[in-house]
Amino acid sequence: MTENSPPEAAMRATCDAILRGDLMAAMNDLTPDAFAQAMSLAATITALPTPESYEIESRDESGGDYSFRVRFKTSSQDIVAAATWRQIDGAWKITSITAEGLPR
């Protein structure tokens, strides 16, 4: 996968929405399964400050799935998110999402 490929552009657009605090725009990219995963993370994520920046640390492609590892920097700590994207009905959608570094 090349930088600025369609799935990477979708990942960056979602990250930019998160930086703006526009979580509704970011949630529009989630499949129902990914939405359920995001909701299980929501309580701890919303307790954190809005991220100030992000960096895509890795990208991988396997069988039509595009996986990204993204580090979000907040004023209190870094959060590392992993998101897998797939093109569904002509649109790029997040099919799974996890996060590391969340407070317990």
N, C-alpha and C. Protein backbone atom coordinates (compact mmCIF):
# COMPACT_ATOMS: atom_id res chain seq x y z
N MET A 1 0.85 -1.16 0.00
CA MET A 1 0.00 0.00 0.00
C MET A 1 0.90 1.23 0.00
N THR A 2 0.54 2.19 -0.81
CA THR A 2 1.31 3.42 -0.86
C THR A 2 0.70 4.48 0.05
N GLU A 3 1.56 5.40 0.48
CA GLU A 3 1.04 6.52 1.26
C GLU A 3 0.06 7.30 0.39
N ASN A 4 -1.01 7.77 0.98
CA ASN A 4 -2.07 8.49 0.28
C ASN A 4 -2.88 7.61 -0.68
N SER A 5 -2.85 6.30 -0.47
CA SER A 5 -3.74 5.40 -1.18
C SER A 5 -5.16 5.69 -0.71
N PRO A 6 -6.19 5.25 -1.44
CA PRO A 6 -7.56 5.51 -0.98
C PRO A 6 -7.84 5.08 0.47
N PRO A 7 -7.40 3.89 0.92
CA PRO A 7 -7.68 3.56 2.32
C PRO A 7 -6.90 4.44 3.29
N GLU A 8 -5.69 4.84 2.92
CA GLU A 8 -4.93 5.73 3.81
C GLU A 8 -5.56 7.12 3.84
N ALA A 9 -6.05 7.59 2.73
CA ALA A 9 -6.75 8.89 2.71
C ALA A 9 -7.98 8.83 3.61
N ALA A 10 -8.70 7.71 3.59
CA ALA A 10 -9.86 7.55 4.46
C ALA A 10 -9.43 7.54 5.92
N MET A 11 -8.32 6.85 6.23
CA MET A 11 -7.82 6.80 7.60
C MET A 11 -7.44 8.20 8.07
N ARG A 12 -6.75 8.95 7.23
CA ARG A 12 -6.35 10.32 7.59
C ARG A 12 -7.57 11.22 7.79
N ALA A 13 -8.58 11.08 6.94
CA ALA A 13 -9.79 11.91 7.08
C ALA A 13 -10.47 11.62 8.42
N THR A 14 -10.51 10.35 8.82
CA THR A 14 -11.11 10.00 10.10
C THR A 14 -10.27 10.54 11.26
N CYS A 15 -8.96 10.42 11.17
CA CYS A 15 -8.08 10.96 12.22
C CYS A 15 -8.23 12.48 12.32
N ASP A 16 -8.31 13.15 11.18
CA ASP A 16 -8.50 14.60 11.19
C ASP A 16 -9.82 14.97 11.85
N ALA A 17 -10.87 14.20 11.59
CA ALA A 17 -12.17 14.45 12.24
C ALA A 17 -12.05 14.29 13.76
N ILE A 18 -11.31 13.28 14.20
CA ILE A 18 -11.11 13.07 15.63
C ILE A 18 -10.37 14.26 16.24
N LEU A 19 -9.35 14.77 15.55
CA LEU A 19 -8.61 15.93 16.06
C LEU A 19 -9.51 17.16 16.18
N ARG A 20 -10.46 17.29 15.27
CA ARG A 20 -11.40 18.42 15.33
C ARG A 20 -12.47 18.22 16.40
N GLY A 21 -12.52 17.01 16.98
CA GLY A 21 -13.55 16.69 17.96
C GLY A 21 -14.86 16.29 17.31
N ASP A 22 -14.82 16.01 16.02
CA ASP A 22 -16.02 15.63 15.27
C ASP A 22 -16.17 14.11 15.27
N LEU A 23 -16.56 13.59 16.41
CA LEU A 23 -16.66 12.13 16.55
C LEU A 23 -17.79 11.55 15.70
N MET A 24 -18.82 12.33 15.45
CA MET A 24 -19.92 11.84 14.60
C MET A 24 -19.41 11.54 13.19
N ALA A 25 -18.58 12.41 12.64
CA ALA A 25 -18.01 12.16 11.30
C ALA A 25 -17.15 10.90 11.33
N ALA A 26 -16.36 10.74 12.37
CA ALA A 26 -15.51 9.55 12.48
C ALA A 26 -16.35 8.29 12.60
N MET A 27 -17.45 8.36 13.32
CA MET A 27 -18.30 7.19 13.51
C MET A 27 -19.03 6.78 12.24
N ASN A 28 -19.19 7.69 11.31
CA ASN A 28 -19.83 7.36 10.04
C ASN A 28 -19.04 6.32 9.24
N ASP A 29 -17.75 6.17 9.57
CA ASP A 29 -16.90 5.23 8.85
C ASP A 29 -16.93 3.83 9.44
N LEU A 30 -17.68 3.62 10.51
CA LEU A 30 -17.68 2.33 11.20
C LEU A 30 -18.76 1.39 10.68
N THR A 31 -18.40 0.12 10.49
CA THR A 31 -19.41 -0.91 10.25
C THR A 31 -20.11 -1.18 11.59
N PRO A 32 -21.23 -1.89 11.59
CA PRO A 32 -21.90 -2.20 12.87
C PRO A 32 -20.98 -2.93 13.87
N ASP A 33 -20.17 -3.87 13.40
CA ASP A 33 -19.26 -4.57 14.32
C ASP A 33 -18.23 -3.62 14.91
N ALA A 34 -17.65 -2.76 14.06
CA ALA A 34 -16.66 -1.80 14.54
C ALA A 34 -17.31 -0.78 15.47
N PHE A 35 -18.55 -0.41 15.20
CA PHE A 35 -19.28 0.50 16.08
C PHE A 35 -19.43 -0.11 17.48
N ALA A 36 -19.76 -1.38 17.54
CA ALA A 36 -19.88 -2.06 18.84
C ALA A 36 -18.53 -2.07 19.57
N GLN A 37 -17.45 -2.30 18.84
CA GLN A 37 -16.12 -2.26 19.44
C GLN A 37 -15.81 -0.86 19.97
N ALA A 38 -16.14 0.16 19.18
CA ALA A 38 -15.89 1.55 19.58
C ALA A 38 -16.70 1.90 20.83
N MET A 39 -17.92 1.42 20.90
CA MET A 39 -18.76 1.72 22.07
C MET A 39 -18.18 1.10 23.34
N SER A 40 -17.54 -0.06 23.22
CA SER A 40 -16.93 -0.67 24.40
C SER A 40 -15.70 0.12 24.87
N LEU A 41 -15.11 0.91 23.98
CA LEU A 41 -13.96 1.76 24.32
C LEU A 41 -14.40 3.16 24.74
N ALA A 42 -15.63 3.53 24.46
CA ALA A 42 -16.09 4.91 24.57
C ALA A 42 -15.91 5.52 25.95
N ALA A 43 -16.22 4.80 27.00
CA ALA A 43 -16.17 5.37 28.34
C ALA A 43 -14.76 5.86 28.69
N THR A 44 -13.76 5.08 28.34
CA THR A 44 -12.39 5.49 28.67
C THR A 44 -11.86 6.52 27.68
N ILE A 45 -12.27 6.44 26.43
CA ILE A 45 -11.78 7.40 25.43
C ILE A 45 -12.34 8.79 25.71
N THR A 46 -13.60 8.89 26.05
CA THR A 46 -14.20 10.21 26.28
C THR A 46 -13.66 10.87 27.54
N ALA A 47 -13.05 10.11 28.44
CA ALA A 47 -12.45 10.69 29.65
C ALA A 47 -11.10 11.33 29.35
N LEU A 48 -10.55 11.09 28.17
CA LEU A 48 -9.24 11.64 27.80
C LEU A 48 -9.39 12.99 27.12
N PRO A 49 -8.33 13.80 27.18
CA PRO A 49 -8.36 15.05 26.41
C PRO A 49 -8.42 14.75 24.91
N THR A 50 -8.94 15.69 24.14
CA THR A 50 -8.97 15.53 22.68
C THR A 50 -7.54 15.41 22.19
N PRO A 51 -7.27 14.46 21.30
CA PRO A 51 -5.91 14.32 20.77
C PRO A 51 -5.45 15.63 20.11
N GLU A 52 -4.15 15.88 20.24
CA GLU A 52 -3.53 17.07 19.67
C GLU A 52 -2.90 16.77 18.31
N SER A 53 -2.49 15.52 18.11
CA SER A 53 -1.87 15.13 16.84
C SER A 53 -1.95 13.61 16.71
N TYR A 54 -1.60 13.14 15.52
CA TYR A 54 -1.55 11.69 15.30
C TYR A 54 -0.44 11.39 14.30
N GLU A 55 -0.02 10.14 14.33
CA GLU A 55 0.98 9.65 13.39
C GLU A 55 0.60 8.22 13.00
N ILE A 56 0.53 7.95 11.70
CA ILE A 56 0.31 6.58 11.25
C ILE A 56 1.65 5.86 11.37
N GLU A 57 1.72 4.90 12.27
CA GLU A 57 2.97 4.19 12.54
C GLU A 57 3.19 3.02 11.60
N SER A 58 2.10 2.39 11.16
CA SER A 58 2.26 1.27 10.23
C SER A 58 1.01 1.10 9.40
N ARG A 59 1.20 0.47 8.24
CA ARG A 59 0.10 0.16 7.31
C ARG A 59 0.40 -1.21 6.71
N ASP A 60 -0.66 -1.96 6.48
CA ASP A 60 -0.49 -3.30 5.91
C ASP A 60 -1.74 -3.63 5.11
N GLU A 61 -1.57 -4.47 4.10
CA GLU A 61 -2.71 -4.91 3.28
C GLU A 61 -2.67 -6.42 3.19
N SER A 62 -3.84 -7.03 3.36
CA SER A 62 -3.94 -8.48 3.25
C SER A 62 -5.35 -8.84 2.80
N GLY A 63 -5.47 -9.37 1.61
CA GLY A 63 -6.76 -9.87 1.12
C GLY A 63 -7.86 -8.83 1.07
N GLY A 64 -7.52 -7.60 0.75
CA GLY A 64 -8.53 -6.54 0.66
C GLY A 64 -8.77 -5.80 1.96
N ASP A 65 -8.13 -6.24 3.05
CA ASP A 65 -8.21 -5.54 4.33
C ASP A 65 -6.95 -4.67 4.47
N TYR A 66 -7.14 -3.44 4.89
CA TYR A 66 -6.04 -2.50 5.06
C TYR A 66 -5.98 -2.13 6.53
N SER A 67 -4.88 -2.50 7.18
CA SER A 67 -4.73 -2.29 8.62
C SER A 67 -3.77 -1.15 8.89
N PHE A 68 -4.16 -0.30 9.84
CA PHE A 68 -3.35 0.85 10.23
C PHE A 68 -3.16 0.82 11.74
N ARG A 69 -1.99 1.25 12.15
CA ARG A 69 -1.68 1.47 13.56
C ARG A 69 -1.39 2.96 13.68
N VAL A 70 -2.17 3.66 14.50
CA VAL A 70 -2.09 5.11 14.61
C VAL A 70 -1.84 5.50 16.06
N ARG A 71 -0.86 6.38 16.27
CA ARG A 71 -0.59 6.90 17.61
C ARG A 71 -1.19 8.29 17.72
N PHE A 72 -2.13 8.45 18.66
CA PHE A 72 -2.72 9.75 18.96
C PHE A 72 -2.03 10.30 20.20
N LYS A 73 -1.61 11.55 20.11
CA LYS A 73 -0.96 12.21 21.26
C LYS A 73 -1.98 13.13 21.92
N THR A 74 -2.13 12.97 23.24
CA THR A 74 -2.97 13.88 24.02
C THR A 74 -2.07 14.58 25.02
N SER A 75 -2.61 15.54 25.73
CA SER A 75 -1.82 16.26 26.73
C SER A 75 -1.46 15.37 27.91
N SER A 76 -2.17 14.27 28.09
CA SER A 76 -1.89 13.40 29.23
C SER A 76 -1.16 12.11 28.87
N GLN A 77 -1.39 11.58 27.67
CA GLN A 77 -0.76 10.31 27.30
C GLN A 77 -1.00 10.01 25.83
N ASP A 78 -0.29 9.02 25.33
CA ASP A 78 -0.49 8.55 23.97
C ASP A 78 -1.47 7.39 23.97
N ILE A 79 -2.28 7.32 22.93
CA ILE A 79 -3.19 6.21 22.71
C ILE A 79 -2.84 5.63 21.34
N VAL A 80 -2.68 4.33 21.27
CA VAL A 80 -2.39 3.67 20.00
C VAL A 80 -3.65 2.93 19.56
N ALA A 81 -4.13 3.28 18.39
CA ALA A 81 -5.33 2.64 17.85
C ALA A 81 -4.95 1.78 16.65
N ALA A 82 -5.64 0.68 16.51
CA ALA A 82 -5.49 -0.18 15.33
C ALA A 82 -6.85 -0.22 14.65
N ALA A 83 -6.85 0.07 13.36
CA ALA A 83 -8.10 0.06 12.60
C ALA A 83 -7.90 -0.71 11.32
N THR A 84 -8.86 -1.53 10.99
CA THR A 84 -8.85 -2.28 9.73
C THR A 84 -9.96 -1.75 8.85
N TRP A 85 -9.59 -1.41 7.61
CA TRP A 85 -10.51 -0.85 6.63
C TRP A 85 -10.75 -1.84 5.51
N ARG A 86 -11.95 -1.79 4.93
CA ARG A 86 -12.30 -2.61 3.76
C ARG A 86 -13.28 -1.78 2.93
N GLN A 87 -13.19 -1.94 1.63
CA GLN A 87 -14.15 -1.26 0.77
C GLN A 87 -15.43 -2.09 0.75
N ILE A 88 -16.54 -1.45 1.15
CA ILE A 88 -17.85 -2.11 1.22
C ILE A 88 -18.83 -1.27 0.43
N ASP A 89 -19.43 -1.87 -0.58
CA ASP A 89 -20.40 -1.16 -1.43
C ASP A 89 -19.85 0.17 -1.93
N GLY A 90 -18.57 0.17 -2.32
CA GLY A 90 -17.95 1.35 -2.90
C GLY A 90 -17.44 2.39 -1.92
N ALA A 91 -17.58 2.14 -0.61
CA ALA A 91 -17.12 3.09 0.40
C ALA A 91 -16.11 2.41 1.34
N TRP A 92 -15.11 3.16 1.78
CA TRP A 92 -14.14 2.63 2.74
C TRP A 92 -14.75 2.69 4.13
N LYS A 93 -14.76 1.54 4.81
CA LYS A 93 -15.35 1.42 6.14
C LYS A 93 -14.38 0.73 7.09
N ILE A 94 -14.41 1.15 8.36
CA ILE A 94 -13.63 0.49 9.40
C ILE A 94 -14.40 -0.75 9.84
N THR A 95 -13.74 -1.91 9.73
CA THR A 95 -14.39 -3.17 10.09
C THR A 95 -14.00 -3.64 11.49
N SER A 96 -12.88 -3.14 12.02
CA SER A 96 -12.52 -3.45 13.40
C SER A 96 -11.63 -2.34 13.94
N ILE A 97 -11.72 -2.15 15.25
CA ILE A 97 -10.95 -1.09 15.92
C ILE A 97 -10.59 -1.54 17.32
N THR A 98 -9.35 -1.27 17.72
CA THR A 98 -8.90 -1.53 19.08
C THR A 98 -8.05 -0.34 19.52
N ALA A 99 -7.81 -0.25 20.80
CA ALA A 99 -6.97 0.82 21.33
C ALA A 99 -6.12 0.29 22.49
N GLU A 100 -4.89 0.78 22.55
CA GLU A 100 -3.97 0.44 23.63
C GLU A 100 -3.65 1.72 24.39
N GLY A 101 -3.34 1.57 25.67
CA GLY A 101 -2.92 2.70 26.46
C GLY A 101 -4.04 3.47 27.12
N LEU A 102 -5.24 2.87 27.11
CA LEU A 102 -6.38 3.54 27.74
C LEU A 102 -6.31 3.36 29.25
N PRO A 103 -6.73 4.38 30.00
CA PRO A 103 -6.76 4.21 31.45
C PRO A 103 -7.75 3.13 31.85
N ARG A 104 -7.48 2.47 32.92
CA ARG A 104 -8.37 1.39 33.38
C ARG A 104 -9.23 1.86 34.51
